[in-house]
Protein backbone atom coordinates (compact mmCIF):
# COMPACT_ATOMS: atom_id res chain seq x y z
CA UNK A 1 -0.12 0.10 0.02
CA UNK A 2 1.23 3.38 -0.85
CA UNK A 3 0.83 5.88 1.78
CA UNK A 4 -0.57 9.52 1.67
CA UNK A 5 -1.10 12.16 4.23
CA UNK A 6 -4.58 13.26 5.13
CA UNK A 7 -4.34 16.63 3.53
CA UNK A 8 -4.16 14.78 0.19
CA UNK A 9 -7.86 13.71 0.50
CA UNK A 10 -10.58 15.59 -1.23
CA UNK A 11 -12.81 17.18 1.23
CA UNK A 12 -16.19 15.70 1.99
CA UNK A 13 -18.17 12.70 3.61
CA UNK A 14 -17.22 9.17 2.62
CA UNK A 15 -19.26 6.12 3.26
CA UNK A 16 -17.55 2.89 4.04
CA UNK A 17 -18.01 0.38 1.32
CA UNK A 18 -18.69 -3.03 3.25
CA UNK A 19 -18.07 -5.21 0.39
CA UNK A 20 -14.57 -3.86 -0.05
CA UNK A 21 -13.82 -3.34 3.61
CA UNK A 22 -12.97 -5.57 6.91
CA UNK A 23 -13.44 -5.14 10.48
CA UNK A 24 -11.54 -7.77 12.20
CA UNK A 25 -9.72 -8.80 15.30
CA UNK A 26 -7.15 -11.46 16.41
CA UNK A 27 -6.65 -12.99 19.87
CA UNK A 28 -4.40 -15.72 21.35
CA UNK A 29 -6.05 -18.89 22.09
CA UNK A 30 -4.32 -21.01 24.87
CA UNK A 31 -1.30 -19.31 24.44
CA UNK A 32 -0.63 -21.45 21.46
CA UNK A 33 -2.40 -19.97 18.25
CA UNK A 34 -3.99 -16.80 17.12
CA UNK A 35 -7.59 -16.96 16.37
CA UNK A 36 -8.83 -14.40 13.84
CA UNK A 37 -12.31 -13.04 13.31
CA UNK A 38 -14.42 -10.53 11.52
CA UNK A 39 -17.76 -8.62 11.86
CA UNK A 40 -19.89 -9.31 8.83
CA UNK A 41 -22.28 -6.11 9.27
CA UNK A 42 -20.82 -2.73 9.82
CA UNK A 43 -21.04 0.75 8.49
CA UNK A 44 -19.18 3.99 8.81
CA UNK A 45 -18.24 7.47 7.66
CA UNK A 46 -15.00 9.13 6.96
CA UNK A 47 -15.10 13.05 7.20
CA UNK A 48 -12.35 14.91 5.36
CA UNK A 49 -11.69 18.73 5.80
CA UNK A 50 -8.68 20.87 5.99
CA UNK A 51 -6.35 17.96 6.40
CA UNK A 52 -8.19 16.31 9.10
CA UNK A 53 -10.18 13.02 9.20
CA UNK A 54 -13.00 12.16 11.52
CA UNK A 55 -14.09 8.58 11.38
CA UNK A 56 -17.13 6.92 13.02
CA UNK A 57 -18.44 3.42 12.56
CA UNK A 58 -20.93 0.94 14.02
CA UNK A 59 -20.46 -2.90 14.03
CA UNK A 60 -23.39 -5.34 14.75
CA UNK A 61 -22.24 -7.56 17.39
CA UNK A 62 -24.40 -10.39 16.41
CA UNK A 63 -22.35 -10.48 12.84
CA UNK A 64 -19.14 -11.88 14.55
CA UNK A 65 -17.73 -14.65 12.44
CA UNK A 66 -14.66 -16.74 13.55
CA UNK A 67 -15.50 -19.63 11.20
CA UNK A 68 -16.75 -21.84 14.01
CA UNK A 69 -20.49 -21.46 14.68
CA UNK A 70 -20.20 -22.73 18.37
CA UNK A 71 -17.55 -20.07 19.34
CA UNK A 72 -19.60 -17.38 17.24
CA UNK A 73 -22.53 -18.26 19.47
CA UNK A 74 -20.57 -18.00 22.72
CA UNK A 75 -19.04 -14.69 21.69
CA UNK A 76 -22.56 -13.23 21.06
CA UNK A 77 -23.60 -14.58 24.65
CA UNK A 78 -23.73 -12.49 27.71
CA UNK A 79 -20.29 -14.01 28.64
CA UNK A 80 -18.78 -11.90 25.90
CA UNK A 81 -20.61 -9.41 23.78
CA UNK A 82 -24.11 -9.93 24.94
CA UNK A 83 -25.44 -9.05 21.59
CA UNK A 84 -29.04 -9.11 22.47
CA UNK A 85 -28.58 -6.46 24.98
CA UNK A 86 -25.75 -4.57 23.40
CA UNK A 87 -26.38 -5.11 19.70
CA UNK A 88 -23.71 -2.59 18.51
CA UNK A 89 -19.99 -1.80 18.92
CA UNK A 90 -19.13 1.69 17.96
CA UNK A 91 -15.89 3.88 17.30
CA UNK A 92 -15.77 7.52 16.87
CA UNK A 93 -12.39 9.29 16.39
CA UNK A 94 -11.47 12.33 18.49
CA UNK A 95 -8.33 13.07 16.49
CA UNK A 96 -5.92 12.40 13.87
CA UNK A 97 -2.34 13.13 13.44
CA UNK A 98 0.56 12.00 11.30
CA UNK A 99 3.33 9.90 13.14
CA UNK A 100 6.21 11.25 11.16
CA UNK A 101 6.91 7.88 9.52
CA UNK A 102 4.33 8.07 7.06
CA UNK A 103 1.71 6.63 9.19
CA UNK A 104 -1.39 8.02 10.93
CA UNK A 105 -2.54 7.85 14.44
CA UNK A 106 -6.21 8.03 15.02
CA UNK A 107 -7.34 8.67 18.71
CA UNK A 108 -10.94 7.93 19.67
CA UNK A 109 -13.57 6.16 21.80
CA UNK A 110 -14.62 2.57 21.45
CA UNK A 111 -17.83 1.36 22.98
CA UNK A 112 -18.12 -2.44 23.67
CA UNK A 113 -20.89 -3.84 25.80
CA UNK A 114 -22.09 -0.41 26.82
CA UNK A 115 -18.65 0.74 28.20
CA UNK A 116 -16.76 3.43 26.27
CA UNK A 117 -12.70 3.51 26.47
CA UNK A 118 -10.29 5.59 24.74
CA UNK A 119 -8.40 3.84 21.91
CA UNK A 120 -5.49 4.60 19.56
CA UNK A 121 -5.39 3.21 16.06
CA UNK A 122 -2.26 3.51 13.81
CA UNK A 123 -1.69 2.71 10.16
CA UNK A 124 -1.90 4.12 6.76
CA UNK A 125 -3.99 6.05 4.57
CA UNK A 126 -3.92 4.43 1.01
CA UNK A 127 -3.81 5.90 -2.42
CA UNK A 128 -7.25 7.71 -3.19
CA UNK A 129 -8.85 8.88 -6.22
CA UNK A 130 -11.43 8.12 -8.61
CA UNK A 131 -12.65 4.46 -9.09
CA UNK A 132 -13.47 3.01 -12.74
CA UNK A 133 -17.26 4.19 -12.05
CA UNK A 134 -16.24 7.79 -11.59
CA UNK A 135 -16.70 7.82 -7.56
CA UNK A 136 -14.14 9.26 -5.39
CA UNK A 137 -12.71 6.76 -3.01
CA UNK A 138 -10.36 6.84 -0.07
CA UNK A 139 -8.80 3.80 2.02
CA UNK A 140 -7.03 3.11 4.96
CA UNK A 141 -5.77 0.30 7.02
CA UNK A 142 -5.38 0.71 10.90
CA UNK A 143 -4.59 -1.60 14.01
CA UNK A 144 -5.17 -1.06 17.69
CA UNK A 145 -5.23 -3.20 20.82
CA UNK A 146 -7.83 -3.28 23.61
CA UNK A 147 -7.99 -5.37 27.05
CA UNK A 148 -11.24 -7.10 26.69
CA UNK A 149 -11.73 -7.19 30.48
CA UNK A 150 -12.11 -3.48 30.49
CA UNK A 151 -15.41 -3.72 28.46
CA UNK A 152 -16.77 -6.50 30.86
CA UNK A 153 -15.65 -9.46 28.55
CA UNK A 154 -14.24 -11.23 31.46
CA UNK A 155 -15.02 -15.05 30.70
CA UNK A 156 -12.02 -17.18 30.78
CA UNK A 157 -10.42 -20.39 31.97
CA UNK A 158 -6.83 -20.84 33.29
CA UNK A 159 -5.39 -23.96 31.87
CA UNK A 160 -3.14 -26.58 33.70
CA UNK A 161 -0.08 -25.03 32.23
CA UNK A 162 -1.06 -21.47 33.66
CA UNK A 163 -1.98 -20.03 30.11
CA UNK A 164 -5.41 -18.48 29.58
CA UNK A 165 -7.82 -20.22 27.31
CA UNK A 166 -8.46 -16.67 25.65
CA UNK A 167 -5.96 -13.94 26.01
CA UNK A 168 -6.94 -10.62 27.43
CA UNK A 169 -5.45 -8.43 24.75
CA UNK A 170 -7.33 -8.29 21.40
CA UNK A 171 -5.89 -6.76 18.28
CA UNK A 172 -8.16 -4.79 16.35
CA UNK A 173 -7.67 -4.82 12.43
CA UNK A 174 -9.67 -2.38 10.18
CA UNK A 175 -9.18 -2.02 6.44
CA UNK A 176 -11.62 0.46 4.78
CA UNK A 177 -12.53 1.54 1.34
CA UNK A 178 -14.93 4.61 1.48
CA UNK A 179 -16.93 6.28 -1.32
CA UNK A 180 -17.45 10.03 -1.40
CA UNK A 181 -21.18 10.75 -0.98
CA UNK A 182 -22.81 12.69 -3.74
């Protein structure tokens, strides 16, 4: 991915294109392997003005997909996301700044299971421009980490070797393509 700066993005509102975007996560399982998952239903916007970006997005908690229906059901349960009571996970940026190494840092707030905490996401703004259909697009890829316990996702088991069944640190991985609104 070739990186650009926020001031190179044409001003306006961009809507996330879910068919060309991904909201995912990765977490260590038993201290052995990393399990990855994603959310199948989400929406968001990117506001670009005067070299600043404001991002906001909503994920449907019940759309979690790790490739295992039993695990997905457990993640939707009150022991994790409690998707029936807290159907959405939200993010709202509060600031953007270049990091000096061609990357961008987004500061913001994430709300999971009714609890809002600050978060930093770091990554790259991709090349932007007109797509083959005449739409203006912008893309970015960012990553961050949360401690799931801070959001009430505390279910776990300690294994005989002392490892946790599910690590407390969860890596968030977001890759977005957004289309400028008419």
